[in-house]
Amino acid sequence: MTEIIDEIRAAYEQVGIEVEAPTTYGTYYRLRCARCGAMVGNVGDKLLPGMIKELVENQQFDLYAAGLLGCACGYQVERARLLNPARADAARKCLA
């Protein structure tokens, strides 16, 4: 179980999100902005290996980059621009 939690933490850390301790029976974890601490969602630990990386990097990245997902303070937008400036700019132009 800790392997999947480590994978979840690593995936969200890249976009500036911290994964907290379990919130419900050890299956859901609260997500908080790494800059301001605002709650930005929850994630479950019933994922297959590699699944969370796919979700964050390939399916959610553009939403973080455009500011449509994540915290209102803009930290995830900044992190996305640092990770992949060209993709972040394209996502912002397309989605914002």
C-alpha atoms as a PDB file:
ATOM      1  CA  MET A   1       0.000   0.000   0.000  1.00  0.00           C
ATOM      2  CA  THR A   2       2.790   2.468   0.795  1.00  0.00           C
ATOM      3  CA  GLU A   3       4.203   2.055  -2.713  1.00  0.00           C
ATOM      4  CA  ILE A   4       1.034   3.439  -4.292  1.00  0.00           C
ATOM      5  CA  ILE A   5       0.906   6.268  -1.735  1.00  0.00           C
ATOM      6  CA  ASP A   6       4.524   7.145  -2.546  1.00  0.00           C
ATOM      7  CA  GLU A   7       3.623   7.150  -6.242  1.00  0.00           C
ATOM      8  CA  ILE A   8       0.613   9.393  -5.586  1.00  0.00           C
ATOM      9  CA  ARG A   9       2.745  11.814  -3.544  1.00  0.00           C
ATOM     10  CA  ALA A  10       5.439  11.955  -6.236  1.00  0.00           C
ATOM     11  CA  ALA A  11       2.947  12.613  -9.037  1.00  0.00           C
ATOM     12  CA  TYR A  12       1.152  15.428  -7.219  1.00  0.00           C
ATOM     13  CA  GLU A  13       4.356  16.928  -5.836  1.00  0.00           C
ATOM     14  CA  GLN A  14       5.420  17.808  -9.377  1.00  0.00           C
ATOM     15  CA  VAL A  15       2.402  20.096  -9.790  1.00  0.00           C
ATOM     16  CA  GLY A  16       2.723  21.667  -6.328  1.00  0.00           C
ATOM     17  CA  ILE A  17       0.218  19.586  -4.388  1.00  0.00           C
ATOM     18  CA  GLU A  18       0.819  17.848  -1.063  1.00  0.00           C
ATOM     19  CA  VAL A  19      -0.909  14.602  -0.128  1.00  0.00           C
ATOM     20  CA  GLU A  20      -1.958  14.525   3.530  1.00  0.00           C
ATOM     21  CA  ALA A  21      -2.673  11.643   5.880  1.00  0.00           C
ATOM     22  CA  PRO A  22      -5.722   9.457   5.191  1.00  0.00           C
ATOM     23  CA  THR A  23      -9.099  11.100   5.743  1.00  0.00           C
ATOM     24  CA  THR A  24     -11.524   8.175   5.506  1.00  0.00           C
ATOM     25  CA  TYR A  25     -10.676   4.641   6.602  1.00  0.00           C
ATOM     26  CA  GLY A  26      -7.227   4.903   5.014  1.00  0.00           C
ATOM     27  CA  THR A  27      -8.543   4.946   1.458  1.00  0.00           C
ATOM     28  CA  TYR A  28      -8.845   8.666   0.674  1.00  0.00           C
ATOM     29  CA  TYR A  29      -6.215  11.341   1.098  1.00  0.00           C
ATOM     30  CA  ARG A  30      -6.730  15.095   1.162  1.00  0.00           C
ATOM     31  CA  LEU A  31      -4.852  17.154  -1.425  1.00  0.00           C
ATOM     32  CA  ARG A  32      -3.567  20.590  -0.404  1.00  0.00           C
ATOM     33  CA  CYS A  33      -1.757  23.331  -2.257  1.00  0.00           C
ATOM     34  CA  ALA A  34       1.939  23.125  -1.354  1.00  0.00           C
ATOM     35  CA  ARG A  35       2.192  26.918  -1.244  1.00  0.00           C
ATOM     36  CA  CYS A  36      -0.835  28.153   0.698  1.00  0.00           C
ATOM     37  CA  GLY A  37      -2.295  24.950   2.164  1.00  0.00           C
ATOM     38  CA  ALA A  38      -5.756  25.315   0.623  1.00  0.00           C
ATOM     39  CA  MET A  39      -7.604  22.068   0.054  1.00  0.00           C
ATOM     40  CA  VAL A  40      -7.791  21.257  -3.648  1.00  0.00           C
ATOM     41  CA  GLY A  41      -9.384  17.807  -3.565  1.00  0.00           C
ATOM     42  CA  ASN A  42      -9.106  14.185  -2.513  1.00  0.00           C
ATOM     43  CA  VAL A  43      -7.534  11.105  -4.034  1.00  0.00           C
ATOM     44  CA  GLY A  44      -8.149   7.431  -3.351  1.00  0.00           C
ATOM     45  CA  ASP A  45      -5.438   4.826  -2.972  1.00  0.00           C
ATOM     46  CA  LYS A  46      -7.225   2.155  -4.995  1.00  0.00           C
ATOM     47  CA  LEU A  47      -5.175   2.884  -8.103  1.00  0.00           C
ATOM     48  CA  LEU A  48      -3.033   0.564 -10.175  1.00  0.00           C
ATOM     49  CA  PRO A  49       0.717   1.205 -10.411  1.00  0.00           C
ATOM     50  CA  GLY A  50       1.416   3.933 -12.965  1.00  0.00           C
ATOM     51  CA  MET A  51      -2.192   5.107 -13.049  1.00  0.00           C
ATOM     52  CA  ILE A  52      -1.781   8.316 -11.023  1.00  0.00           C
ATOM     53  CA  LYS A  53       1.224   9.412 -13.053  1.00  0.00           C
ATOM     54  CA  GLU A  54      -0.846   9.000 -16.216  1.00  0.00           C
ATOM     55  CA  LEU A  55      -3.715  10.987 -14.697  1.00  0.00           C
ATOM     56  CA  VAL A  56      -1.640  13.908 -13.424  1.00  0.00           C
ATOM     57  CA  GLU A  57       0.909  14.184 -16.238  1.00  0.00           C
ATOM     58  CA  ASN A  58      -1.243  13.397 -19.245  1.00  0.00           C
ATOM     59  CA  GLN A  59      -4.873  14.027 -18.354  1.00  0.00           C
ATOM     60  CA  GLN A  60      -4.781  16.779 -15.724  1.00  0.00           C
ATOM     61  CA  PHE A  61      -1.626  18.705 -16.668  1.00  0.00           C
ATOM     62  CA  ASP A  62      -3.348  20.992 -19.172  1.00  0.00           C
ATOM     63  CA  LEU A  63      -6.065  21.817 -16.632  1.00  0.00           C
ATOM     64  CA  TYR A  64      -3.457  22.731 -14.000  1.00  0.00           C
ATOM     65  CA  ALA A  65      -1.520  24.783 -16.561  1.00  0.00           C
ATOM     66  CA  ALA A  66      -4.630  26.746 -17.565  1.00  0.00           C
ATOM     67  CA  GLY A  67      -5.659  27.365 -13.954  1.00  0.00           C
ATOM     68  CA  LEU A  68      -8.831  25.299 -14.273  1.00  0.00           C
ATOM     69  CA  LEU A  69      -7.674  22.732 -11.710  1.00  0.00           C
ATOM     70  CA  GLY A  70      -5.737  23.392  -8.531  1.00  0.00           C
ATOM     71  CA  CYS A  71      -5.574  26.282  -6.105  1.00  0.00           C
ATOM     72  CA  ALA A  72      -6.732  29.853  -6.693  1.00  0.00           C
ATOM     73  CA  CYS A  73      -3.301  31.125  -5.550  1.00  0.00           C
ATOM     74  CA  GLY A  74      -1.900  29.998  -8.914  1.00  0.00           C
ATOM     75  CA  TYR A  75       0.869  27.741  -7.637  1.00  0.00           C
ATOM     76  CA  GLN A  76      -0.100  24.809  -9.864  1.00  0.00           C
ATOM     77  CA  VAL A  77      -0.057  27.112 -12.911  1.00  0.00           C
ATOM     78  CA  GLU A  78       3.490  28.169 -11.996  1.00  0.00           C
ATOM     79  CA  ARG A  79       4.610  24.576 -11.448  1.00  0.00           C
ATOM     80  CA  ALA A  80       3.136  23.474 -14.785  1.00  0.00           C
ATOM     81  CA  ARG A  81       5.013  26.275 -16.558  1.00  0.00           C
ATOM     82  CA  LEU A  82       8.262  25.160 -14.927  1.00  0.00           C
ATOM     83  CA  LEU A  83       7.709  21.512 -15.876  1.00  0.00           C
ATOM     84  CA  ASN A  84       6.817  22.079 -19.526  1.00  0.00           C
ATOM     85  CA  PRO A  85       6.647  25.727 -20.639  1.00  0.00           C
ATOM     86  CA  ALA A  86       5.551  25.047 -24.228  1.00  0.00           C
ATOM     87  CA  ARG A  87       2.745  22.677 -23.237  1.00  0.00           C
ATOM     88  CA  ALA A  88       1.616  24.977 -20.417  1.00  0.00           C
ATOM     89  CA  ASP A  89       1.399  27.965 -22.765  1.00  0.00           C
ATOM     90  CA  ALA A  90      -0.492  25.951 -25.362  1.00  0.00           C
ATOM     91  CA  ALA A  91      -2.930  24.700 -22.711  1.00  0.00           C
ATOM     92  CA  ARG A  92      -3.479  28.208 -21.389  1.00  0.00           C
ATOM     93  CA  LYS A  93      -4.230  29.551 -24.877  1.00  0.00           C
ATOM     94  CA  CYS A  94      -6.528  26.651 -25.734  1.00  0.00           C
ATOM     95  CA  LEU A  95      -8.435  26.341 -22.457  1.00  0.00           C
ATOM     96  CA  ALA A  96      -8.384  29.741 -20.776  1.00  0.00           C
END
